[in-house]
Amino acid sequence: KPPIYGPKDTALWPEEAAELYRATKTNRDATYASRYMRWWFTNHEGMPARVPKIPWSAYTMYYSEQKSLVFQSAGKFNTKRDGKKIGAKWKTLADDEKQPYLDKFAIVKAQFEENEEWWKEQMAVWREKRLERLRSEGVELDPVKRQSAGLEPLCEC
């Protein structure tokens, strides 16, 4: 009997796969979701992992830094009270005090865009290899023919 996956298993998966499992489990059940994920991993073998997301802004970088400082000094962090203080403090900062955060964000954003471009190139290579593999296995690729034959559609990954 094949294993049924759980939350501990998804911690080791790429974020994309873990989200897909949770959504499938919510819509159906754990047995179906586990079977679906075994199929998904088989068909997406070698797929490059998604590039990590960047912070939303320079402010979020500042907020995160200040939040850890407040937590270290007070031992706790009240989002409502302390978050408002941090926001007010950000608004009163001079441009030259904000500049390090703006510069850091620009660097992180540039790195993300470079990584995103690399990921898109890797995905294009992976898609080509996947199509070659499917063709060599004799898998029908035409969506209309797949539907008329009662086969599941190939994902657009």
C-alpha atoms as a PDB file:
ATOM      1  CA  LYS A   1       0.000   0.000   0.000  1.00  0.00           C
ATOM      2  CA  PRO A   2       1.554   3.332  -1.008  1.00  0.00           C
ATOM      3  CA  PRO A   3       2.213   5.851   1.757  1.00  0.00           C
ATOM      4  CA  ILE A   4      -0.134   8.729   2.521  1.00  0.00           C
ATOM      5  CA  TYR A   5       1.742  11.997   2.798  1.00  0.00           C
ATOM      6  CA  GLY A   6       1.341  14.421   5.666  1.00  0.00           C
ATOM      7  CA  PRO A   7       2.484  17.895   6.733  1.00  0.00           C
ATOM      8  CA  LYS A   8       5.925  16.642   7.807  1.00  0.00           C
ATOM      9  CA  ASP A   9       6.544  15.321   4.298  1.00  0.00           C
ATOM     10  CA  THR A  10       5.630  18.613   2.649  1.00  0.00           C
ATOM     11  CA  ALA A  11       8.278  20.446   4.685  1.00  0.00           C
ATOM     12  CA  LEU A  12      10.917  18.811   2.480  1.00  0.00           C
ATOM     13  CA  TRP A  13       9.181  19.603  -0.810  1.00  0.00           C
ATOM     14  CA  PRO A  14       9.510  22.688  -2.974  1.00  0.00           C
ATOM     15  CA  GLU A  15       6.983  25.365  -1.988  1.00  0.00           C
ATOM     16  CA  GLU A  16       5.069  24.903  -5.234  1.00  0.00           C
ATOM     17  CA  ALA A  17       4.551  21.174  -4.606  1.00  0.00           C
ATOM     18  CA  ALA A  18       3.589  21.663  -0.954  1.00  0.00           C
ATOM     19  CA  GLU A  19       0.941  24.250  -1.879  1.00  0.00           C
ATOM     20  CA  LEU A  20      -0.431  21.931  -4.562  1.00  0.00           C
ATOM     21  CA  TYR A  21      -0.662  19.048  -2.060  1.00  0.00           C
ATOM     22  CA  ARG A  22      -2.474  21.185   0.535  1.00  0.00           C
ATOM     23  CA  ALA A  23      -4.963  22.443  -2.055  1.00  0.00           C
ATOM     24  CA  THR A  24      -5.624  18.947  -3.404  1.00  0.00           C
ATOM     25  CA  LYS A  25      -6.034  17.548   0.115  1.00  0.00           C
ATOM     26  CA  THR A  26      -8.494  20.323   0.978  1.00  0.00           C
ATOM     27  CA  ASN A  27     -10.578  19.676  -2.145  1.00  0.00           C
ATOM     28  CA  ARG A  28     -10.489  15.881  -1.892  1.00  0.00           C
ATOM     29  CA  ASP A  29      -8.773  13.760   0.781  1.00  0.00           C
ATOM     30  CA  ALA A  30      -5.262  12.755   1.854  1.00  0.00           C
ATOM     31  CA  THR A  31      -5.288   9.464  -0.090  1.00  0.00           C
ATOM     32  CA  TYR A  32      -6.220  11.137  -3.372  1.00  0.00           C
ATOM     33  CA  ALA A  33      -3.792  14.008  -2.729  1.00  0.00           C
ATOM     34  CA  SER A  34      -0.955  11.550  -2.020  1.00  0.00           C
ATOM     35  CA  ARG A  35      -1.680   9.602  -5.202  1.00  0.00           C
ATOM     36  CA  TYR A  36      -1.825  12.852  -7.169  1.00  0.00           C
ATOM     37  CA  MET A  37       1.512  14.025  -5.712  1.00  0.00           C
ATOM     38  CA  ARG A  38       3.230  10.745  -6.620  1.00  0.00           C
ATOM     39  CA  TRP A  39       2.023  11.324 -10.193  1.00  0.00           C
ATOM     40  CA  TRP A  40       3.114  14.990 -10.046  1.00  0.00           C
ATOM     41  CA  PHE A  41       6.633  14.164  -8.810  1.00  0.00           C
ATOM     42  CA  THR A  42       7.026  11.509 -11.515  1.00  0.00           C
ATOM     43  CA  ASN A  43       5.994  13.939 -14.256  1.00  0.00           C
ATOM     44  CA  HIS A  44       7.993  16.873 -12.904  1.00  0.00           C
ATOM     45  CA  GLU A  45      11.237  15.080 -12.180  1.00  0.00           C
ATOM     46  CA  GLY A  46      14.217  17.402 -12.614  1.00  0.00           C
ATOM     47  CA  MET A  47      12.086  20.570 -12.628  1.00  0.00           C
ATOM     48  CA  PRO A  48      14.096  23.498 -11.227  1.00  0.00           C
ATOM     49  CA  ALA A  49      12.819  24.915  -7.937  1.00  0.00           C
ATOM     50  CA  ARG A  50      11.221  28.340  -7.979  1.00  0.00           C
ATOM     51  CA  VAL A  51      13.358  31.375  -7.096  1.00  0.00           C
ATOM     52  CA  PRO A  52      12.714  32.659  -3.533  1.00  0.00           C
ATOM     53  CA  LYS A  53      10.534  35.762  -3.303  1.00  0.00           C
ATOM     54  CA  ILE A  54      12.017  39.154  -2.455  1.00  0.00           C
ATOM     55  CA  PRO A  55      10.907  41.428   0.401  1.00  0.00           C
ATOM     56  CA  TRP A  56       8.105  43.784  -0.570  1.00  0.00           C
ATOM     57  CA  SER A  57      10.024  46.978   0.044  1.00  0.00           C
ATOM     58  CA  ALA A  58      12.844  48.720   1.877  1.00  0.00           C
ATOM     59  CA  TYR A  59      10.354  49.395   4.662  1.00  0.00           C
ATOM     60  CA  THR A  60       9.758  45.681   5.250  1.00  0.00           C
ATOM     61  CA  MET A  61      13.500  45.170   5.597  1.00  0.00           C
ATOM     62  CA  TYR A  62      13.615  48.007   8.142  1.00  0.00           C
ATOM     63  CA  TYR A  63      10.528  46.647   9.919  1.00  0.00           C
ATOM     64  CA  SER A  64      12.024  43.168  10.191  1.00  0.00           C
ATOM     65  CA  GLU A  65      15.276  44.545  11.614  1.00  0.00           C
ATOM     66  CA  GLN A  66      13.483  46.763  14.132  1.00  0.00           C
ATOM     67  CA  LYS A  67      11.116  43.956  15.110  1.00  0.00           C
ATOM     68  CA  SER A  68      14.027  41.708  16.086  1.00  0.00           C
ATOM     69  CA  LEU A  69      15.621  44.583  18.066  1.00  0.00           C
ATOM     70  CA  VAL A  70      12.369  45.188  19.966  1.00  0.00           C
ATOM     71  CA  PHE A  71      12.020  41.469  20.643  1.00  0.00           C
ATOM     72  CA  GLN A  72      15.606  41.219  21.927  1.00  0.00           C
ATOM     73  CA  SER A  73      15.188  44.189  24.269  1.00  0.00           C
ATOM     74  CA  ALA A  74      11.635  43.521  25.523  1.00  0.00           C
ATOM     75  CA  GLY A  75      11.438  39.736  25.156  1.00  0.00           C
ATOM     76  CA  LYS A  76       8.160  40.007  23.240  1.00  0.00           C
ATOM     77  CA  PHE A  77       6.674  41.868  20.303  1.00  0.00           C
ATOM     78  CA  ASN A  78       3.153  43.265  20.184  1.00  0.00           C
ATOM     79  CA  THR A  79       2.332  43.688  16.502  1.00  0.00           C
ATOM     80  CA  LYS A  80      -0.355  46.271  17.073  1.00  0.00           C
ATOM     81  CA  ARG A  81       1.522  48.503  19.503  1.00  0.00           C
ATOM     82  CA  ASP A  82       5.155  47.966  18.465  1.00  0.00           C
ATOM     83  CA  GLY A  83       4.346  47.801  14.757  1.00  0.00           C
ATOM     84  CA  LYS A  84       2.765  51.246  14.915  1.00  0.00           C
ATOM     85  CA  LYS A  85       5.872  52.599  16.668  1.00  0.00           C
ATOM     86  CA  ILE A  86       8.146  51.158  13.997  1.00  0.00           C
ATOM     87  CA  GLY A  87       5.959  52.606  11.227  1.00  0.00           C
ATOM     88  CA  ALA A  88       5.983  56.034  12.846  1.00  0.00           C
ATOM     89  CA  LYS A  89       9.747  55.819  13.317  1.00  0.00           C
ATOM     90  CA  TRP A  90      10.193  54.965   9.601  1.00  0.00           C
ATOM     91  CA  LYS A  91       8.158  58.003   8.593  1.00  0.00           C
ATOM     92  CA  THR A  92      10.351  60.301  10.710  1.00  0.00           C
ATOM     93  CA  LEU A  93      13.643  58.928   9.334  1.00  0.00           C
ATOM     94  CA  ALA A  94      15.563  61.293   7.096  1.00  0.00           C
ATOM     95  CA  ASP A  95      16.315  60.240   3.528  1.00  0.00           C
ATOM     96  CA  ASP A  96      19.974  59.582   4.322  1.00  0.00           C
ATOM     97  CA  GLU A  97      18.903  57.229   7.176  1.00  0.00           C
ATOM     98  CA  LYS A  98      16.551  55.348   4.837  1.00  0.00           C
ATOM     99  CA  GLN A  99      19.164  55.121   2.091  1.00  0.00           C
ATOM    100  CA  PRO A 100      20.960  51.977   3.402  1.00  0.00           C
ATOM    101  CA  TYR A 101      17.635  50.094   3.319  1.00  0.00           C
ATOM    102  CA  LEU A 102      16.797  51.435  -0.142  1.00  0.00           C
ATOM    103  CA  ASP A 103      20.257  50.426  -1.397  1.00  0.00           C
ATOM    104  CA  LYS A 104      19.985  46.979   0.161  1.00  0.00           C
ATOM    105  CA  PHE A 105      16.542  46.506  -1.384  1.00  0.00           C
ATOM    106  CA  ALA A 106      17.849  47.569  -4.815  1.00  0.00           C
ATOM    107  CA  ILE A 107      20.633  44.970  -4.555  1.00  0.00           C
ATOM    108  CA  VAL A 108      18.229  42.229  -3.442  1.00  0.00           C
ATOM    109  CA  LYS A 109      15.777  43.137  -6.194  1.00  0.00           C
ATOM    110  CA  ALA A 110      18.494  43.086  -8.872  1.00  0.00           C
ATOM    111  CA  GLN A 111      19.686  39.679  -7.625  1.00  0.00           C
ATOM    112  CA  PHE A 112      16.104  38.386  -7.675  1.00  0.00           C
ATOM    113  CA  GLU A 113      15.579  39.569 -11.261  1.00  0.00           C
ATOM    114  CA  GLU A 114      18.833  37.891 -12.311  1.00  0.00           C
ATOM    115  CA  ASN A 115      17.809  34.661 -10.545  1.00  0.00           C
ATOM    116  CA  GLU A 116      14.327  34.847 -12.057  1.00  0.00           C
ATOM    117  CA  GLU A 117      15.826  35.155 -15.550  1.00  0.00           C
ATOM    118  CA  TRP A 118      18.094  32.164 -14.857  1.00  0.00           C
ATOM    119  CA  TRP A 119      15.082  30.168 -13.606  1.00  0.00           C
ATOM    120  CA  LYS A 120      13.087  30.966 -16.752  1.00  0.00           C
ATOM    121  CA  GLU A 121      15.989  29.748 -18.898  1.00  0.00           C
ATOM    122  CA  GLN A 122      16.285  26.560 -16.841  1.00  0.00           C
ATOM    123  CA  MET A 123      12.522  25.971 -17.109  1.00  0.00           C
ATOM    124  CA  ALA A 124      12.675  26.342 -20.897  1.00  0.00           C
ATOM    125  CA  VAL A 125      15.444  23.718 -21.031  1.00  0.00           C
ATOM    126  CA  TRP A 126      13.504  21.431 -18.678  1.00  0.00           C
ATOM    127  CA  ARG A 127      10.309  21.770 -20.761  1.00  0.00           C
ATOM    128  CA  GLU A 128      12.199  20.824 -23.929  1.00  0.00           C
ATOM    129  CA  LYS A 129      13.771  17.783 -22.257  1.00  0.00           C
ATOM    130  CA  ARG A 130      10.370  16.776 -20.873  1.00  0.00           C
ATOM    131  CA  LEU A 131       8.721  17.044 -24.299  1.00  0.00           C
ATOM    132  CA  GLU A 132      11.551  14.998 -25.845  1.00  0.00           C
ATOM    133  CA  ARG A 133      11.095  12.333 -23.145  1.00  0.00           C
ATOM    134  CA  LEU A 134       7.324  12.234 -23.661  1.00  0.00           C
ATOM    135  CA  ARG A 135       7.740  11.986 -27.451  1.00  0.00           C
ATOM    136  CA  SER A 136      10.258   9.148 -27.083  1.00  0.00           C
ATOM    137  CA  GLU A 137       7.796   7.322 -24.802  1.00  0.00           C
ATOM    138  CA  GLY A 138       5.083   7.726 -27.430  1.00  0.00           C
ATOM    139  CA  VAL A 139       2.834   9.919 -25.275  1.00  0.00           C
ATOM    140  CA  GLU A 140       0.144  11.844 -27.160  1.00  0.00           C
ATOM    141  CA  LEU A 141       0.892  15.587 -26.834  1.00  0.00           C
ATOM    142  CA  ASP A 142      -2.047  17.095 -28.737  1.00  0.00           C
ATOM    143  CA  PRO A 143      -4.580  18.338 -26.124  1.00  0.00           C
ATOM    144  CA  VAL A 144      -7.614  17.679 -28.350  1.00  0.00           C
ATOM    145  CA  LYS A 145      -6.552  14.095 -29.073  1.00  0.00           C
ATOM    146  CA  ARG A 146      -5.751  13.539 -25.372  1.00  0.00           C
ATOM    147  CA  GLN A 147      -9.221  14.730 -24.377  1.00  0.00           C
ATOM    148  CA  SER A 148     -10.993  12.607 -26.997  1.00  0.00           C
ATOM    149  CA  ALA A 149      -8.984   9.562 -25.846  1.00  0.00           C
ATOM    150  CA  GLY A 150     -10.037  10.202 -22.230  1.00  0.00           C
ATOM    151  CA  LEU A 151      -6.533  11.094 -21.063  1.00  0.00           C
ATOM    152  CA  GLU A 152      -5.725  13.793 -18.518  1.00  0.00           C
ATOM    153  CA  PRO A 153      -4.328  17.010 -19.999  1.00  0.00           C
ATOM    154  CA  LEU A 154      -0.600  17.621 -19.705  1.00  0.00           C
ATOM    155  CA  CYS A 155       0.195  20.393 -17.278  1.00  0.00           C
ATOM    156  CA  GLU A 156       1.539  23.685 -18.605  1.00  0.00           C
ATOM    157  CA  CYS A 157       4.625  23.705 -16.394  1.00  0.00           C
END
